Protein backbone atom coordinates (compact mmCIF):
# COMPACT_ATOMS: atom_id res chain seq x y z
CA MET A 1 1.37 -18.07 22.13
CA HIS A 2 0.52 -19.01 18.56
CA LEU A 3 -1.36 -16.21 16.77
CA SER A 4 -1.32 -18.16 13.52
CA ARG A 5 -4.26 -20.13 14.92
CA PHE A 6 -6.43 -17.09 14.18
CA PRO A 7 -7.47 -16.07 10.64
CA ARG A 8 -5.62 -13.03 9.36
CA VAL A 9 -5.24 -11.01 6.16
CA PHE A 10 -1.60 -9.94 5.88
CA LEU A 11 -1.72 -6.40 4.50
CA ALA A 12 0.02 -4.25 7.11
CA HIS A 13 3.61 -3.13 6.52
CA LEU A 14 5.26 -4.92 9.42
CA PRO A 15 7.37 -4.74 11.45
CA THR A 16 7.01 -1.00 11.87
CA PRO A 17 10.21 0.95 12.63
CA LEU A 18 11.51 1.53 16.15
CA GLU A 19 13.45 4.81 16.12
CA ARG A 20 15.27 6.97 18.66
CA LEU A 21 14.13 10.61 18.92
CA ASP A 22 17.44 12.33 19.67
CA ARG A 23 16.38 15.94 19.14
CA LEU A 24 13.16 15.63 21.16
CA GLY A 25 15.09 13.89 23.94
CA ARG A 26 17.68 16.68 24.07
CA GLU A 27 14.94 19.33 24.07
CA LEU A 28 13.22 17.73 27.06
CA GLY A 29 16.45 16.88 28.88
CA GLY A 30 15.04 13.75 30.46
CA PRO A 31 14.88 10.11 29.40
CA GLU A 32 15.97 8.53 26.14
CA ILE A 33 12.87 8.62 23.93
CA TRP A 34 12.08 6.07 21.22
CA ILE A 35 9.06 5.83 18.94
CA LYS A 36 7.29 2.76 17.61
CA ARG A 37 6.11 3.94 14.20
CA ASP A 38 2.63 2.48 13.89
CA ASP A 39 1.83 5.45 11.69
CA CYS A 40 3.75 3.41 9.08
CA THR A 41 1.48 0.34 8.87
CA GLY A 42 0.42 1.09 5.29
CA LEU A 43 -3.10 1.38 3.85
CA SER A 44 -4.08 5.00 3.26
CA THR A 45 -1.45 6.76 5.44
CA GLY A 46 -1.40 3.95 8.01
CA GLY A 47 -2.22 3.89 11.69
CA ASN A 48 -2.90 1.49 14.53
CA LYS A 49 -6.22 0.23 13.19
CA THR A 50 -4.53 -1.57 10.29
CA ARG A 51 -3.12 -4.14 12.73
CA LYS A 52 -6.60 -4.76 14.16
CA LEU A 53 -8.21 -4.95 10.74
CA GLU A 54 -5.90 -7.76 9.63
CA PHE A 55 -7.80 -10.03 12.03
CA LEU A 56 -11.23 -8.39 11.75
CA MET A 57 -11.35 -8.43 7.96
CA ALA A 58 -10.29 -12.08 7.93
CA GLU A 59 -13.35 -12.83 10.05
CA ALA A 60 -15.49 -10.79 7.66
CA GLN A 61 -14.22 -12.85 4.72
CA LEU A 62 -14.90 -16.13 6.52
CA ALA A 63 -18.43 -14.91 7.28
CA GLY A 64 -19.01 -14.38 3.56
CA ALA A 65 -19.53 -10.63 3.95
CA ASP A 66 -19.74 -8.40 0.89
CA LEU A 67 -20.00 -5.21 2.96
CA VAL A 68 -18.38 -4.10 6.22
CA MET A 69 -19.91 -1.46 8.44
CA THR A 70 -18.27 0.53 11.21
CA GLN A 71 -18.57 3.81 13.09
CA GLY A 72 -16.42 6.59 14.48
CA ALA A 73 -16.16 10.32 14.95
CA THR A 74 -16.18 12.63 11.93
CA GLN A 75 -12.38 12.57 11.54
CA SER A 76 -12.10 8.87 12.33
CA ASN A 77 -8.79 7.23 11.46
CA HIS A 78 -10.41 3.85 12.03
CA ALA A 79 -13.12 4.61 9.46
CA ARG A 80 -10.53 5.63 6.87
CA GLN A 81 -8.43 2.51 7.38
CA THR A 82 -11.52 0.29 7.27
CA ALA A 83 -12.55 1.90 3.98
CA ALA A 84 -9.07 1.32 2.54
CA PHE A 85 -8.97 -2.32 3.70
CA ALA A 86 -12.42 -2.96 2.23
CA ALA A 87 -11.34 -1.43 -1.08
CA LYS A 88 -8.28 -3.67 -1.18
CA LEU A 89 -10.41 -6.77 -0.59
CA GLY A 90 -13.19 -5.75 -2.99
CA MET A 91 -15.82 -5.32 -0.29
CA GLY A 92 -18.32 -2.52 0.17
CA CYS A 93 -17.92 -0.24 3.17
CA HIS A 94 -20.52 1.86 4.97
CA ILE A 95 -19.57 4.19 7.82
CA LEU A 96 -21.66 5.99 10.44
CA LEU A 97 -19.90 9.19 11.53
CA GLU A 98 -20.79 10.62 14.94
CA ASP A 99 -20.61 14.40 15.40
CA ARG A 100 -18.71 14.49 18.69
CA THR A 101 -17.36 18.05 18.41
CA GLY A 102 -20.25 20.08 16.97
CA SER A 103 -17.86 21.74 14.53
CA ASN A 104 -19.33 23.38 11.42
CA ASP A 105 -15.91 23.92 9.85
CA HIS A 106 -15.94 22.83 6.20
CA ASN A 107 -12.55 21.12 6.27
CA TYR A 108 -13.34 19.26 9.48
CA ASN A 109 -16.51 17.86 7.95
CA ARG A 110 -15.29 17.30 4.37
CA ASN A 111 -11.49 17.10 4.25
CA GLY A 112 -8.89 14.85 5.92
CA ASN A 113 -10.20 11.40 6.79
CA VAL A 114 -13.69 12.14 5.43
CA LEU A 115 -12.26 12.89 1.99
CA LEU A 116 -10.27 9.66 2.10
CA ASP A 117 -13.31 7.63 3.23
CA HIS A 118 -15.07 8.66 0.05
CA LEU A 119 -12.01 8.27 -2.18
CA HIS A 120 -11.81 4.65 -1.05
CA GLY A 121 -15.42 4.18 -2.16
CA ALA A 122 -17.10 4.10 1.24
CA SER A 123 -20.56 5.54 1.80
CA THR A 124 -21.16 7.57 4.97
CA GLU A 125 -24.04 8.76 7.14
CA LYS A 126 -23.89 11.25 10.00
CA ARG A 127 -25.28 10.79 13.49
CA PRO A 128 -25.57 13.33 16.33
CA GLY A 129 -23.12 13.30 19.20
CA GLY A 130 -24.13 10.98 22.02
CA ALA A 131 -26.08 8.58 19.81
CA ASP A 132 -26.01 4.87 20.64
CA MET A 133 -23.71 4.08 17.74
CA GLN A 134 -23.79 0.32 18.16
CA ALA A 135 -27.60 0.38 17.98
CA GLU A 136 -27.43 2.73 15.00
CA MET A 137 -25.11 0.31 13.20
CA GLU A 138 -27.37 -2.66 13.93
CA ALA A 139 -30.37 -0.80 12.52
CA ALA A 140 -28.47 0.31 9.41
CA ALA A 141 -27.13 -3.21 8.89
CA GLU A 142 -30.64 -4.67 9.05
CA ARG A 143 -31.81 -2.24 6.37
CA MET A 144 -28.94 -3.29 4.11
CA ARG A 145 -29.45 -6.99 4.80
CA ALA A 146 -33.05 -6.53 3.69
CA THR A 147 -31.70 -5.54 0.27
CA GLY A 148 -29.58 -8.69 0.05
CA ARG A 149 -26.24 -7.42 1.39
CA LYS A 150 -24.14 -9.65 3.65
CA VAL A 151 -23.02 -7.21 6.35
CA TYR A 152 -20.20 -7.68 8.85
CA ILE A 153 -20.21 -5.12 11.68
CA ILE A 154 -16.87 -3.87 13.04
CA PRO A 155 -17.09 -2.06 16.40
CA GLY A 156 -15.78 1.48 16.77
CA GLY A 157 -11.98 1.51 16.78
CA GLY A 158 -11.97 -2.17 15.81
CA SER A 159 -11.89 -2.79 19.54
CA ASN A 160 -13.06 -6.27 20.41
CA PRO A 161 -11.03 -9.39 21.26
CA THR A 162 -10.46 -10.14 17.57
CA GLY A 163 -9.16 -6.66 16.82
CA ALA A 164 -7.04 -6.58 19.97
CA LEU A 165 -5.05 -9.54 18.62
CA GLY A 166 -3.32 -7.03 16.37
CA TYR A 167 -1.77 -5.38 19.42
CA VAL A 168 -0.93 -8.63 21.14
CA ASN A 169 1.15 -9.20 18.02
CA CYS A 170 2.57 -5.66 18.27
CA ALA A 171 3.74 -6.35 21.82
CA PHE A 172 5.60 -9.44 20.59
CA GLU A 173 7.06 -7.45 17.70
CA LEU A 174 8.25 -4.57 19.89
CA VAL A 175 9.89 -6.83 22.48
CA GLY A 176 11.56 -8.77 19.67
CA GLN A 177 12.99 -5.57 18.20
CA ALA A 178 14.24 -4.47 21.62
CA ASN A 179 15.85 -7.86 22.24
CA ASP A 180 17.56 -7.85 18.83
CA ARG A 181 19.08 -4.43 19.58
CA GLY A 182 19.87 -4.92 23.25
CA LEU A 183 17.42 -2.23 24.37
CA VAL A 184 15.91 -2.31 27.83
CA ILE A 185 12.51 -0.56 27.75
CA ASP A 186 11.61 1.11 31.04
CA HIS A 187 8.25 2.54 29.98
CA LEU A 188 5.82 2.11 27.08
CA VAL A 189 3.24 4.85 26.52
CA THR A 190 0.50 5.37 23.96
CA ALA A 191 -2.81 7.13 23.43
CA THR A 192 -5.85 5.13 24.54
CA GLY A 193 -9.43 5.58 23.38
CA SER A 194 -11.61 2.67 22.27
CA ALA A 195 -9.38 0.38 24.40
CA GLY A 196 -8.24 -2.18 21.80
CA THR A 197 -4.67 -0.96 21.40
CA GLN A 198 -3.89 -0.76 25.12
CA ALA A 199 -5.77 -4.00 25.87
CA GLY A 200 -3.89 -5.95 23.22
CA LEU A 201 -0.55 -4.52 24.30
CA VAL A 202 -1.03 -5.34 27.98
CA VAL A 203 -2.12 -8.91 27.18
CA GLY A 204 0.86 -9.44 24.92
CA LEU A 205 3.35 -7.94 27.37
CA LYS A 206 2.01 -9.93 30.32
CA ALA A 207 1.76 -13.17 28.33
CA ILE A 208 5.51 -13.10 27.63
CA ASN A 209 6.41 -11.65 31.05
CA ALA A 210 8.09 -8.63 29.42
CA ARG A 211 7.96 -6.60 32.65
CA ILE A 212 7.47 -3.36 30.72
CA PRO A 213 4.98 -0.99 32.40
CA LEU A 214 2.37 0.34 30.00
CA LEU A 215 0.67 3.72 30.39
CA GLY A 216 -2.23 4.90 28.26
CA PHE A 217 -2.95 8.61 27.89
CA GLY A 218 -6.70 8.89 27.47
CA VAL A 219 -8.46 10.85 24.75
CA ARG A 220 -12.10 10.64 25.80
CA ALA A 221 -13.43 8.78 28.87
CA PRO A 222 -12.66 9.55 32.55
CA ARG A 223 -9.80 7.54 34.04
CA GLU A 224 -11.84 5.00 36.02
CA ARG A 225 -14.06 4.19 33.05
CA GLN A 226 -11.14 4.06 30.62
CA GLU A 227 -9.15 1.69 32.80
CA GLN A 228 -12.18 -0.55 33.33
CA ASN A 229 -12.94 -0.62 29.59
CA VAL A 230 -9.35 -1.61 28.84
CA PHE A 231 -9.25 -4.25 31.58
CA ASP A 232 -12.56 -5.80 30.49
CA LEU A 233 -11.37 -6.06 26.90
CA ALA A 234 -7.95 -7.35 27.98
CA ALA A 235 -9.65 -10.09 30.02
CA ARG A 236 -11.79 -11.18 27.05
CA THR A 237 -8.77 -11.08 24.74
CA ALA A 238 -6.74 -13.23 27.13
CA GLU A 239 -9.59 -15.76 27.24
CA LYS A 240 -9.67 -15.86 23.44
CA LEU A 241 -5.94 -16.60 23.47
CA GLY A 242 -6.24 -19.31 26.09
CA CYS A 243 -4.44 -17.48 28.89
CA PRO A 244 -7.26 -16.25 31.17
CA GLY A 245 -6.17 -14.24 34.19
CA VAL A 246 -2.82 -13.21 32.70
CA VAL A 247 -3.76 -9.52 33.16
CA GLN A 248 -4.61 -8.16 36.60
CA ARG A 249 -6.60 -4.98 37.20
CA GLU A 250 -3.51 -3.16 38.49
CA ASP A 251 -1.71 -3.83 35.18
CA VAL A 252 -4.04 -1.40 33.42
CA VAL A 253 -3.05 2.23 33.98
CA ALA A 254 -4.42 5.31 32.24
CA ASN A 255 -4.04 9.05 32.73
CA THR A 256 -6.85 11.20 31.33
CA ASP A 257 -5.52 14.60 32.42
CA TYR A 258 -4.79 15.58 28.80
CA VAL A 259 -8.28 15.07 27.33
CA GLY A 260 -9.28 18.72 27.67
CA ALA A 261 -12.75 19.84 26.54
CA GLY A 262 -13.53 16.48 24.97
CA TYR A 263 -12.85 13.96 22.25
CA GLY A 264 -11.43 15.51 19.11
CA VAL A 265 -10.92 18.92 20.73
CA PRO A 266 -7.17 19.64 20.99
CA ARG A 267 -5.72 21.55 23.94
CA ALA A 268 -2.81 23.96 23.75
CA ASP A 269 -0.44 21.21 24.90
CA THR A 270 -1.78 18.93 22.13
CA LEU A 271 -0.86 21.54 19.52
CA GLU A 272 2.53 22.10 21.18
CA ALA A 273 3.25 18.37 21.01
CA ILE A 274 2.29 18.23 17.33
CA ARG A 275 4.58 21.15 16.55
CA MET A 276 7.48 19.72 18.57
CA PHE A 277 7.36 16.33 16.84
CA ALA A 278 7.04 18.00 13.44
CA GLU A 279 9.79 20.58 13.94
CA LEU A 280 12.26 18.44 15.89
CA GLU A 281 11.78 14.99 14.35
CA GLY A 282 9.88 15.44 11.09
CA ILE A 283 7.05 13.26 12.42
CA LEU A 284 3.37 14.12 12.05
CA LEU A 285 0.96 13.47 14.90
CA ASP A 286 -2.81 14.01 14.92
CA PRO A 287 -4.96 16.27 17.13
CA VAL A 288 -7.26 13.48 18.38
CA TYR A 289 -5.10 10.57 19.56
CA SER A 290 -1.33 10.72 19.09
CA GLY A 291 -1.14 14.47 19.80
CA LYS A 292 -2.77 14.03 23.21
CA GLY A 293 -0.65 10.98 23.95
CA ALA A 294 2.50 12.93 23.06
CA ALA A 295 1.36 15.85 25.23
CA GLY A 296 1.24 13.44 28.16
CA LEU A 297 4.67 12.05 27.30
CA ILE A 298 6.20 15.54 27.13
CA ASP A 299 4.61 16.63 30.40
CA TYR A 300 5.79 13.46 32.19
CA CYS A 301 9.33 14.13 30.97
CA ARG A 302 9.23 17.76 32.11
CA LYS A 303 7.87 16.84 35.53
CA GLY A 304 10.45 14.11 36.08
CA HIS A 305 8.03 11.16 36.06
CA PHE A 306 10.25 9.72 33.34
CA LYS A 307 13.81 10.22 34.49
CA LYS A 308 17.19 10.78 32.90
CA GLY A 309 18.81 7.43 32.21
CA GLU A 310 15.49 5.70 31.53
CA ARG A 311 14.29 4.59 28.11
CA VAL A 312 10.70 5.41 27.11
CA VAL A 313 8.97 4.10 23.97
CA PHE A 314 6.06 6.11 22.57
CA LEU A 315 3.77 4.04 20.36
CA HIS A 316 2.55 6.31 17.55
CA THR A 317 -1.05 5.39 16.66
CA GLY A 318 -1.02 7.33 13.37
CA GLY A 319 -3.75 9.66 12.17
CA SER A 320 -1.90 12.49 10.42
CA ALA A 321 -4.61 12.63 7.73
CA ALA A 322 -6.84 14.30 10.33
CA LEU A 323 -4.52 17.34 10.36
CA PHE A 324 -6.15 18.50 7.12
CA GLY A 325 -9.48 18.71 8.94
CA TYR A 326 -7.99 20.86 11.70
CA ASP A 327 -6.26 23.58 9.67
CA ALA A 328 -8.36 26.29 11.35
CA VAL A 329 -6.91 25.39 14.76
CA PHE A 330 -3.36 25.79 13.52
CA ALA A 331 -4.25 28.98 11.64
CA ASP A 332 -5.56 30.46 14.88
CA THR A 333 -2.35 29.63 16.76
CA ALA A 334 -0.26 31.04 13.90
CA ARG A 335 -2.18 34.33 14.08
CA GLU A 336 -1.66 34.48 17.85
CA ALA A 337 2.08 33.99 17.39
CA ALA A 338 2.20 36.73 14.73
CA GLU A 339 0.39 39.15 17.01
């Protein structure tokens, strides 16, 4: 499979490291745990969206765009990385931020990713939770086109067949690293939300017959809907690559038991996972994606779903900048511990 046939802007810091988490593994007493550090992709603290944006921003350039528009939740890692990529390429960036949590906390609404959006020169507008964000983007883009701007719209999470190519490439990269080091991977797990990361990974893994089962820990949608969203995108991505049918419906597996009250609302096990990774391995997770994915990983290890003698790779999707918008959550847990 020849990804060089597709336009791409090479800005990500690749390959990202593949590291063993010895202290976390000993703490859990189960499988050997490794981490694929896609929090280290570069561009404004990094994250998984940088891989997707390499392909999406290349399309924007070919379309002659002078402004890119996207959408996400208030503390959107995708929005921040899009703003950074646009700044690097000298494009304008406009972001619609959906209020999915209803939080009035100042830091949640102004700090973390929101602060970085603005530092990178992006303009932002807010929308209420539940809005049709694709329709909102289309309307906003038409207003800007009427003023002479050439707008390229990037879907939420960068999750379309073009963006998913970034994670087809990640699958190739990960398997290559494992082969070079003689590592047999028994399980690959990651957080799954807008579907592009999991869809790209499953297409890449199946296309090279890696025989590595992939599990996505959901952060928003119910399991049936999440799996269908991922499968539909995987099917369209495979068609784009010229290998239709390479992914079957049963290849797409998600577990949404760790979502909790909703998107962007961390549970107690999310906060525990963030603390464990920080205290045991010096690695920062985020409360929206990677923290919930890690909570699932930890629970699976404790319950014996991942067994001693197996090797599990956790793909870190990045997002630590969002921690600065969630300081109140950690302050509350610190007070509880003190009491």
